[in-house]
Amino acid sequence: MDICREYCILIKYTLYLCTSIMKKILIVDDEPSVREVLSDFLIMSGYEVITAANGQIALDFFEKETPDMAIVDVEMPVMNGLQFSKKLLATNPRFPIIIMTAFFDKYKDTELKNLPVEAILPKPLDLRELSATIKHALEPAAL
């Protein structure tokens, strides 16, 4: 009898973890190595990951599925991270976005600073800072 109860608790806990931890994060960066490293890190951290090489491809994902947040590079071909963020936030103003850039000093005093994003992080990324920012952004109170 106790084994059945413990088994049921374990199943409920597993279902809870699958539905609450497996948030979907969209990584938008034109560098394949950055997408790969971030994907591996986020998957190992318990997230589902989708990737896009530029902002236009990323916007196309929103026609098929909705990730829970996006991590976006600024400098990309076709549609850069600033353009992507503006378009996405115009239709979904509370969508959590983390901006990353290797040109932090170039953008820190521009219109990027005025975007309502979770954070603007310099590259190379500090994965502990990124992880903390993601967790904060995906907390139910933040959404």
N, C-alpha and C. Protein backbone atom coordinates (compact mmCIF):
# COMPACT_ATOMS: atom_id res chain seq x y z
N MET A 1 0.82 -1.19 0.00
CA MET A 1 0.00 0.00 0.00
C MET A 1 0.87 1.26 0.00
N ASP A 2 1.90 1.30 0.83
CA ASP A 2 2.77 2.47 0.89
C ASP A 2 3.56 2.63 -0.41
N ILE A 3 3.92 1.50 -1.03
CA ILE A 3 4.68 1.56 -2.28
C ILE A 3 3.82 2.19 -3.37
N CYS A 4 2.55 1.83 -3.44
CA CYS A 4 1.65 2.42 -4.43
C CYS A 4 1.53 3.92 -4.24
N ARG A 5 1.39 4.32 -2.99
CA ARG A 5 1.25 5.76 -2.69
C ARG A 5 2.52 6.51 -3.09
N GLU A 6 3.67 5.95 -2.75
CA GLU A 6 4.94 6.59 -3.10
C GLU A 6 5.12 6.65 -4.62
N TYR A 7 4.70 5.59 -5.29
CA TYR A 7 4.78 5.56 -6.75
C TYR A 7 3.89 6.65 -7.36
N CYS A 8 2.68 6.81 -6.84
CA CYS A 8 1.77 7.86 -7.33
C CYS A 8 2.36 9.25 -7.08
N ILE A 9 2.96 9.45 -5.94
CA ILE A 9 3.60 10.73 -5.63
C ILE A 9 4.73 10.99 -6.60
N LEU A 10 5.52 9.96 -6.89
CA LEU A 10 6.63 10.10 -7.82
C LEU A 10 6.13 10.46 -9.22
N ILE A 11 5.07 9.82 -9.66
CA ILE A 11 4.49 10.12 -10.97
C ILE A 11 3.98 11.56 -11.01
N LYS A 12 3.27 11.99 -9.98
CA LYS A 12 2.77 13.37 -9.94
C LYS A 12 3.92 14.37 -9.95
N TYR A 13 4.97 14.07 -9.20
CA TYR A 13 6.12 14.97 -9.15
C TYR A 13 6.81 15.04 -10.51
N THR A 14 6.95 13.89 -11.18
CA THR A 14 7.57 13.86 -12.50
C THR A 14 6.74 14.67 -13.50
N LEU A 15 5.44 14.52 -13.48
CA LEU A 15 4.56 15.30 -14.35
C LEU A 15 4.68 16.79 -14.06
N TYR A 16 4.76 17.13 -12.78
CA TYR A 16 4.93 18.53 -12.39
C TYR A 16 6.23 19.08 -12.98
N LEU A 17 7.32 18.33 -12.84
CA LEU A 17 8.60 18.78 -13.36
C LEU A 17 8.55 18.96 -14.87
N CYS A 18 7.93 18.02 -15.56
CA CYS A 18 7.85 18.09 -17.02
C CYS A 18 7.06 19.30 -17.48
N THR A 19 6.02 19.65 -16.76
CA THR A 19 5.19 20.77 -17.20
C THR A 19 5.68 22.11 -16.70
N SER A 20 6.43 22.13 -15.60
CA SER A 20 6.83 23.43 -15.06
C SER A 20 8.26 23.80 -15.40
N ILE A 21 9.14 22.84 -15.55
CA ILE A 21 10.54 23.17 -15.80
C ILE A 21 10.83 23.24 -17.29
N MET A 22 10.17 22.45 -18.09
CA MET A 22 10.48 22.41 -19.51
C MET A 22 9.92 23.62 -20.26
N LYS A 23 10.40 24.77 -19.89
CA LYS A 23 10.04 25.98 -20.62
C LYS A 23 10.81 25.99 -21.93
N LYS A 24 10.23 26.59 -22.93
CA LYS A 24 10.84 26.64 -24.26
C LYS A 24 11.52 27.98 -24.47
N ILE A 25 12.82 27.92 -24.78
CA ILE A 25 13.60 29.13 -24.99
C ILE A 25 14.08 29.18 -26.44
N LEU A 26 13.88 30.33 -27.06
CA LEU A 26 14.32 30.57 -28.42
C LEU A 26 15.66 31.31 -28.38
N ILE A 27 16.67 30.74 -29.02
CA ILE A 27 17.98 31.38 -29.14
C ILE A 27 18.10 31.93 -30.55
N VAL A 28 18.40 33.24 -30.66
CA VAL A 28 18.51 33.88 -31.96
C VAL A 28 19.91 34.47 -32.07
N ASP A 29 20.74 33.84 -32.91
CA ASP A 29 22.12 34.29 -33.10
C ASP A 29 22.60 33.76 -34.43
N ASP A 30 23.35 34.58 -35.17
CA ASP A 30 23.83 34.15 -36.48
C ASP A 30 25.07 33.26 -36.38
N GLU A 31 25.67 33.16 -35.21
CA GLU A 31 26.86 32.32 -35.02
C GLU A 31 26.43 30.90 -34.61
N PRO A 32 26.66 29.90 -35.47
CA PRO A 32 26.26 28.53 -35.13
C PRO A 32 26.89 28.04 -33.82
N SER A 33 28.13 28.42 -33.55
CA SER A 33 28.79 27.94 -32.33
C SER A 33 28.12 28.51 -31.08
N VAL A 34 27.65 29.76 -31.16
CA VAL A 34 26.95 30.35 -30.01
C VAL A 34 25.62 29.64 -29.80
N ARG A 35 24.90 29.40 -30.87
CA ARG A 35 23.62 28.68 -30.76
C ARG A 35 23.84 27.30 -30.15
N GLU A 36 24.89 26.61 -30.59
CA GLU A 36 25.16 25.26 -30.11
C GLU A 36 25.53 25.25 -28.62
N VAL A 37 26.43 26.14 -28.22
CA VAL A 37 26.85 26.18 -26.81
C VAL A 37 25.68 26.55 -25.91
N LEU A 38 24.93 27.59 -26.29
CA LEU A 38 23.78 27.98 -25.48
C LEU A 38 22.72 26.88 -25.45
N SER A 39 22.48 26.24 -26.57
CA SER A 39 21.51 25.14 -26.62
C SER A 39 21.90 24.04 -25.65
N ASP A 40 23.16 23.62 -25.72
CA ASP A 40 23.63 22.55 -24.83
C ASP A 40 23.47 22.95 -23.37
N PHE A 41 23.87 24.17 -23.04
CA PHE A 41 23.76 24.65 -21.66
C PHE A 41 22.31 24.67 -21.19
N LEU A 42 21.42 25.19 -22.02
CA LEU A 42 20.02 25.31 -21.62
C LEU A 42 19.33 23.95 -21.54
N ILE A 43 19.65 23.05 -22.45
CA ILE A 43 19.09 21.70 -22.40
C ILE A 43 19.54 21.00 -21.12
N MET A 44 20.82 21.13 -20.79
CA MET A 44 21.33 20.53 -19.55
C MET A 44 20.72 21.19 -18.32
N SER A 45 20.23 22.41 -18.48
CA SER A 45 19.59 23.13 -17.37
C SER A 45 18.09 22.82 -17.28
N GLY A 46 17.59 22.00 -18.20
CA GLY A 46 16.20 21.57 -18.12
C GLY A 46 15.22 22.32 -19.00
N TYR A 47 15.72 23.02 -20.00
CA TYR A 47 14.84 23.77 -20.89
C TYR A 47 14.75 23.09 -22.26
N GLU A 48 13.65 23.32 -22.93
CA GLU A 48 13.51 22.94 -24.33
C GLU A 48 14.04 24.12 -25.13
N VAL A 49 14.75 23.85 -26.22
CA VAL A 49 15.40 24.92 -26.97
C VAL A 49 15.06 24.83 -28.45
N ILE A 50 14.81 25.99 -29.04
CA ILE A 50 14.73 26.12 -30.49
C ILE A 50 15.68 27.26 -30.88
N THR A 51 16.22 27.19 -32.08
CA THR A 51 17.20 28.19 -32.48
C THR A 51 16.84 28.80 -33.83
N ALA A 52 17.35 30.01 -34.03
CA ALA A 52 17.16 30.71 -35.30
C ALA A 52 18.42 31.51 -35.60
N ALA A 53 18.77 31.61 -36.88
CA ALA A 53 19.99 32.29 -37.30
C ALA A 53 19.81 33.80 -37.49
N ASN A 54 18.57 34.27 -37.48
CA ASN A 54 18.32 35.72 -37.58
C ASN A 54 16.91 36.03 -37.10
N GLY A 55 16.61 37.31 -36.99
CA GLY A 55 15.32 37.73 -36.46
C GLY A 55 14.14 37.32 -37.30
N GLN A 56 14.29 37.28 -38.62
CA GLN A 56 13.17 36.90 -39.48
C GLN A 56 12.79 35.44 -39.28
N ILE A 57 13.78 34.58 -39.22
CA ILE A 57 13.51 33.16 -38.96
C ILE A 57 12.85 33.01 -37.59
N ALA A 58 13.33 33.77 -36.62
CA ALA A 58 12.76 33.71 -35.27
C ALA A 58 11.29 34.14 -35.28
N LEU A 59 10.97 35.22 -35.98
CA LEU A 59 9.57 35.65 -36.05
C LEU A 59 8.69 34.60 -36.70
N ASP A 60 9.24 33.90 -37.70
CA ASP A 60 8.49 32.84 -38.37
C ASP A 60 8.11 31.71 -37.40
N PHE A 61 8.95 31.47 -36.39
CA PHE A 61 8.63 30.44 -35.39
C PHE A 61 7.33 30.77 -34.67
N PHE A 62 7.06 32.05 -34.47
CA PHE A 62 5.89 32.46 -33.71
C PHE A 62 4.59 32.18 -34.45
N GLU A 63 4.66 31.88 -35.73
CA GLU A 63 3.47 31.48 -36.47
C GLU A 63 3.10 30.04 -36.17
N LYS A 64 4.10 29.23 -35.77
CA LYS A 64 3.89 27.81 -35.52
C LYS A 64 3.79 27.47 -34.04
N GLU A 65 4.61 28.12 -33.23
CA GLU A 65 4.66 27.82 -31.81
C GLU A 65 5.13 29.06 -31.05
N THR A 66 4.88 29.05 -29.75
CA THR A 66 5.28 30.19 -28.95
C THR A 66 6.25 29.76 -27.87
N PRO A 67 7.49 30.18 -27.96
CA PRO A 67 8.42 29.90 -26.88
C PRO A 67 8.06 30.73 -25.65
N ASP A 68 8.66 30.39 -24.53
CA ASP A 68 8.39 31.11 -23.29
C ASP A 68 9.27 32.35 -23.14
N MET A 69 10.39 32.38 -23.84
CA MET A 69 11.27 33.55 -23.83
C MET A 69 12.26 33.44 -24.96
N ALA A 70 12.99 34.54 -25.21
CA ALA A 70 14.00 34.55 -26.28
C ALA A 70 15.29 35.15 -25.75
N ILE A 71 16.40 34.59 -26.23
CA ILE A 71 17.73 35.14 -25.99
C ILE A 71 18.23 35.55 -27.36
N VAL A 72 18.50 36.85 -27.54
CA VAL A 72 18.68 37.41 -28.88
C VAL A 72 19.98 38.20 -28.99
N ASP A 73 20.76 37.87 -30.02
CA ASP A 73 21.95 38.66 -30.34
C ASP A 73 21.50 39.93 -31.06
N VAL A 74 22.32 40.96 -31.00
CA VAL A 74 21.95 42.23 -31.65
C VAL A 74 22.36 42.22 -33.11
N GLU A 75 23.62 41.94 -33.38
CA GLU A 75 24.14 42.07 -34.75
C GLU A 75 23.96 40.76 -35.52
N MET A 76 23.01 40.78 -36.46
CA MET A 76 22.72 39.62 -37.31
C MET A 76 22.30 40.12 -38.68
N PRO A 77 22.49 39.29 -39.72
CA PRO A 77 22.00 39.67 -41.05
C PRO A 77 20.49 39.49 -41.15
N VAL A 78 19.92 39.98 -42.21
CA VAL A 78 18.50 39.89 -42.56
C VAL A 78 17.65 40.75 -41.62
N MET A 79 17.52 40.34 -40.37
CA MET A 79 16.81 41.14 -39.36
C MET A 79 17.61 41.06 -38.07
N ASN A 80 18.10 42.21 -37.60
CA ASN A 80 18.93 42.19 -36.40
C ASN A 80 18.08 42.03 -35.13
N GLY A 81 18.75 41.89 -34.01
CA GLY A 81 18.06 41.66 -32.75
C GLY A 81 17.20 42.81 -32.29
N LEU A 82 17.61 44.03 -32.58
CA LEU A 82 16.83 45.21 -32.23
C LEU A 82 15.51 45.22 -33.00
N GLN A 83 15.59 44.98 -34.31
CA GLN A 83 14.37 44.95 -35.14
C GLN A 83 13.45 43.81 -34.70
N PHE A 84 14.02 42.64 -34.46
CA PHE A 84 13.23 41.49 -34.01
C PHE A 84 12.51 41.82 -32.70
N SER A 85 13.26 42.35 -31.74
CA SER A 85 12.68 42.65 -30.42
C SER A 85 11.55 43.66 -30.53
N LYS A 86 11.75 44.71 -31.32
CA LYS A 86 10.70 45.72 -31.50
C LYS A 86 9.44 45.11 -32.09
N LYS A 87 9.59 44.30 -33.14
CA LYS A 87 8.42 43.68 -33.78
C LYS A 87 7.71 42.73 -32.82
N LEU A 88 8.46 41.94 -32.11
CA LEU A 88 7.85 40.98 -31.19
C LEU A 88 7.16 41.70 -30.04
N LEU A 89 7.82 42.68 -29.46
CA LEU A 89 7.23 43.41 -28.33
C LEU A 89 6.04 44.26 -28.75
N ALA A 90 5.95 44.63 -30.02
CA ALA A 90 4.79 45.39 -30.50
C ALA A 90 3.52 44.55 -30.43
N THR A 91 3.65 43.25 -30.65
CA THR A 91 2.48 42.37 -30.61
C THR A 91 2.35 41.63 -29.28
N ASN A 92 3.44 41.54 -28.53
CA ASN A 92 3.44 40.82 -27.26
C ASN A 92 4.33 41.58 -26.27
N PRO A 93 3.84 42.68 -25.72
CA PRO A 93 4.69 43.58 -24.93
C PRO A 93 5.28 42.99 -23.66
N ARG A 94 4.74 41.89 -23.17
CA ARG A 94 5.27 41.30 -21.93
C ARG A 94 6.16 40.09 -22.18
N PHE A 95 6.46 39.82 -23.43
CA PHE A 95 7.28 38.66 -23.76
C PHE A 95 8.71 38.87 -23.25
N PRO A 96 9.24 37.92 -22.47
CA PRO A 96 10.59 38.09 -21.92
C PRO A 96 11.70 37.88 -22.96
N ILE A 97 12.55 38.89 -23.09
CA ILE A 97 13.67 38.84 -24.03
C ILE A 97 14.94 39.21 -23.27
N ILE A 98 15.98 38.43 -23.52
CA ILE A 98 17.32 38.77 -23.04
C ILE A 98 18.14 39.11 -24.28
N ILE A 99 18.73 40.28 -24.28
CA ILE A 99 19.58 40.72 -25.39
C ILE A 99 21.03 40.39 -25.03
N MET A 100 21.78 39.89 -26.02
CA MET A 100 23.21 39.67 -25.81
C MET A 100 23.97 40.33 -26.96
N THR A 101 25.13 40.88 -26.63
CA THR A 101 25.91 41.52 -27.68
C THR A 101 27.39 41.54 -27.33
N ALA A 102 28.21 41.34 -28.35
CA ALA A 102 29.65 41.47 -28.20
C ALA A 102 30.05 42.94 -28.26
N PHE A 103 29.12 43.79 -28.64
CA PHE A 103 29.39 45.22 -28.79
C PHE A 103 28.62 46.01 -27.73
N PHE A 104 28.76 45.59 -26.50
CA PHE A 104 28.01 46.16 -25.38
C PHE A 104 28.19 47.67 -25.30
N ASP A 105 29.42 48.15 -25.39
CA ASP A 105 29.68 49.60 -25.28
C ASP A 105 29.03 50.38 -26.42
N LYS A 106 28.95 49.77 -27.59
CA LYS A 106 28.35 50.43 -28.75
C LYS A 106 26.85 50.66 -28.55
N TYR A 107 26.19 49.74 -27.84
CA TYR A 107 24.73 49.80 -27.73
C TYR A 107 24.21 50.27 -26.38
N LYS A 108 25.07 50.42 -25.38
CA LYS A 108 24.56 50.70 -24.04
C LYS A 108 23.82 52.03 -23.93
N ASP A 109 24.12 52.99 -24.79
CA ASP A 109 23.45 54.29 -24.71
C ASP A 109 22.54 54.56 -25.91
N THR A 110 22.07 53.51 -26.57
CA THR A 110 21.22 53.67 -27.75
C THR A 110 19.78 53.32 -27.41
N GLU A 111 18.95 53.25 -28.45
CA GLU A 111 17.54 52.90 -28.24
C GLU A 111 17.37 51.50 -27.67
N LEU A 112 18.38 50.67 -27.81
CA LEU A 112 18.34 49.34 -27.22
C LEU A 112 18.13 49.43 -25.71
N LYS A 113 18.73 50.44 -25.13
CA LYS A 113 18.63 50.64 -23.68
C LYS A 113 17.18 50.88 -23.25
N ASN A 114 16.37 51.45 -24.15
CA ASN A 114 14.98 51.77 -23.82
C ASN A 114 13.99 50.64 -24.09
N LEU A 115 14.46 49.54 -24.67
CA LEU A 115 13.56 48.40 -24.90
C LEU A 115 13.21 47.75 -23.57
N PRO A 116 11.95 47.34 -23.40
CA PRO A 116 11.56 46.68 -22.15
C PRO A 116 11.96 45.19 -22.15
N VAL A 117 13.27 44.96 -22.06
CA VAL A 117 13.79 43.59 -22.05
C VAL A 117 14.25 43.23 -20.64
N GLU A 118 14.43 41.93 -20.41
CA GLU A 118 14.85 41.45 -19.10
C GLU A 118 16.25 41.92 -18.76
N ALA A 119 17.14 41.87 -19.74
CA ALA A 119 18.54 42.25 -19.51
C ALA A 119 19.24 42.44 -20.84
N ILE A 120 20.31 43.21 -20.81
CA ILE A 120 21.22 43.33 -21.94
C ILE A 120 22.56 42.82 -21.42
N LEU A 121 22.98 41.66 -21.91
CA LEU A 121 24.18 41.02 -21.39
C LEU A 121 25.32 41.08 -22.41
N PRO A 122 26.53 41.35 -21.92
CA PRO A 122 27.69 41.38 -22.83
C PRO A 122 28.17 39.97 -23.16
N LYS A 123 28.66 39.82 -24.38
CA LYS A 123 29.31 38.58 -24.79
C LYS A 123 30.80 38.75 -24.54
N PRO A 124 31.51 37.72 -24.17
CA PRO A 124 31.01 36.37 -23.91
C PRO A 124 30.12 36.36 -22.66
N LEU A 125 29.10 35.52 -22.72
CA LEU A 125 28.12 35.47 -21.64
C LEU A 125 28.68 34.80 -20.40
N ASP A 126 28.31 35.32 -19.25
CA ASP A 126 28.54 34.66 -17.98
C ASP A 126 27.33 33.74 -17.79
N LEU A 127 27.54 32.44 -17.87
CA LEU A 127 26.42 31.50 -17.86
C LEU A 127 25.66 31.51 -16.54
N ARG A 128 26.35 31.83 -15.44
CA ARG A 128 25.64 31.94 -14.15
C ARG A 128 24.69 33.15 -14.18
N GLU A 129 25.16 34.26 -14.73
CA GLU A 129 24.31 35.45 -14.84
C GLU A 129 23.14 35.19 -15.78
N LEU A 130 23.41 34.52 -16.89
CA LEU A 130 22.36 34.18 -17.84
C LEU A 130 21.32 33.29 -17.18
N SER A 131 21.77 32.27 -16.47
CA SER A 131 20.86 31.34 -15.79
C SER A 131 19.98 32.07 -14.78
N ALA A 132 20.58 32.93 -13.99
CA ALA A 132 19.81 33.69 -12.99
C ALA A 132 18.80 34.61 -13.67
N THR A 133 19.18 35.22 -14.76
CA THR A 133 18.28 36.12 -15.49
C THR A 133 17.11 35.35 -16.09
N ILE A 134 17.39 34.18 -16.63
CA ILE A 134 16.32 33.33 -17.19
C ILE A 134 15.36 32.93 -16.09
N LYS A 135 15.88 32.44 -14.98
CA LYS A 135 14.99 32.00 -13.88
C LYS A 135 14.13 33.14 -13.39
N HIS A 136 14.71 34.31 -13.26
CA HIS A 136 13.93 35.47 -12.81
C HIS A 136 12.85 35.83 -13.83
N ALA A 137 13.20 35.82 -15.10
CA ALA A 137 12.26 36.18 -16.15
C ALA A 137 11.10 35.19 -16.27
N LEU A 138 11.36 33.93 -15.97
CA LEU A 138 10.32 32.90 -16.13
C LEU A 138 9.54 32.63 -14.86
N GLU A 139 9.86 33.34 -13.77
CA GLU A 139 9.06 33.18 -12.56
C GLU A 139 7.64 33.62 -12.86
N PRO A 140 6.65 32.94 -12.30
CA PRO A 140 5.26 33.30 -12.58
C PRO A 140 4.95 34.77 -12.28
N ALA A 141 5.53 35.34 -11.24
CA ALA A 141 5.26 36.74 -10.90
C ALA A 141 5.80 37.69 -11.96
N ALA A 142 6.89 37.27 -12.65
CA ALA A 142 7.49 38.14 -13.68
C ALA A 142 6.63 38.19 -14.93
N LEU A 143 5.86 37.14 -15.19
CA LEU A 143 5.04 37.09 -16.39
C LEU A 143 3.70 37.69 -16.07
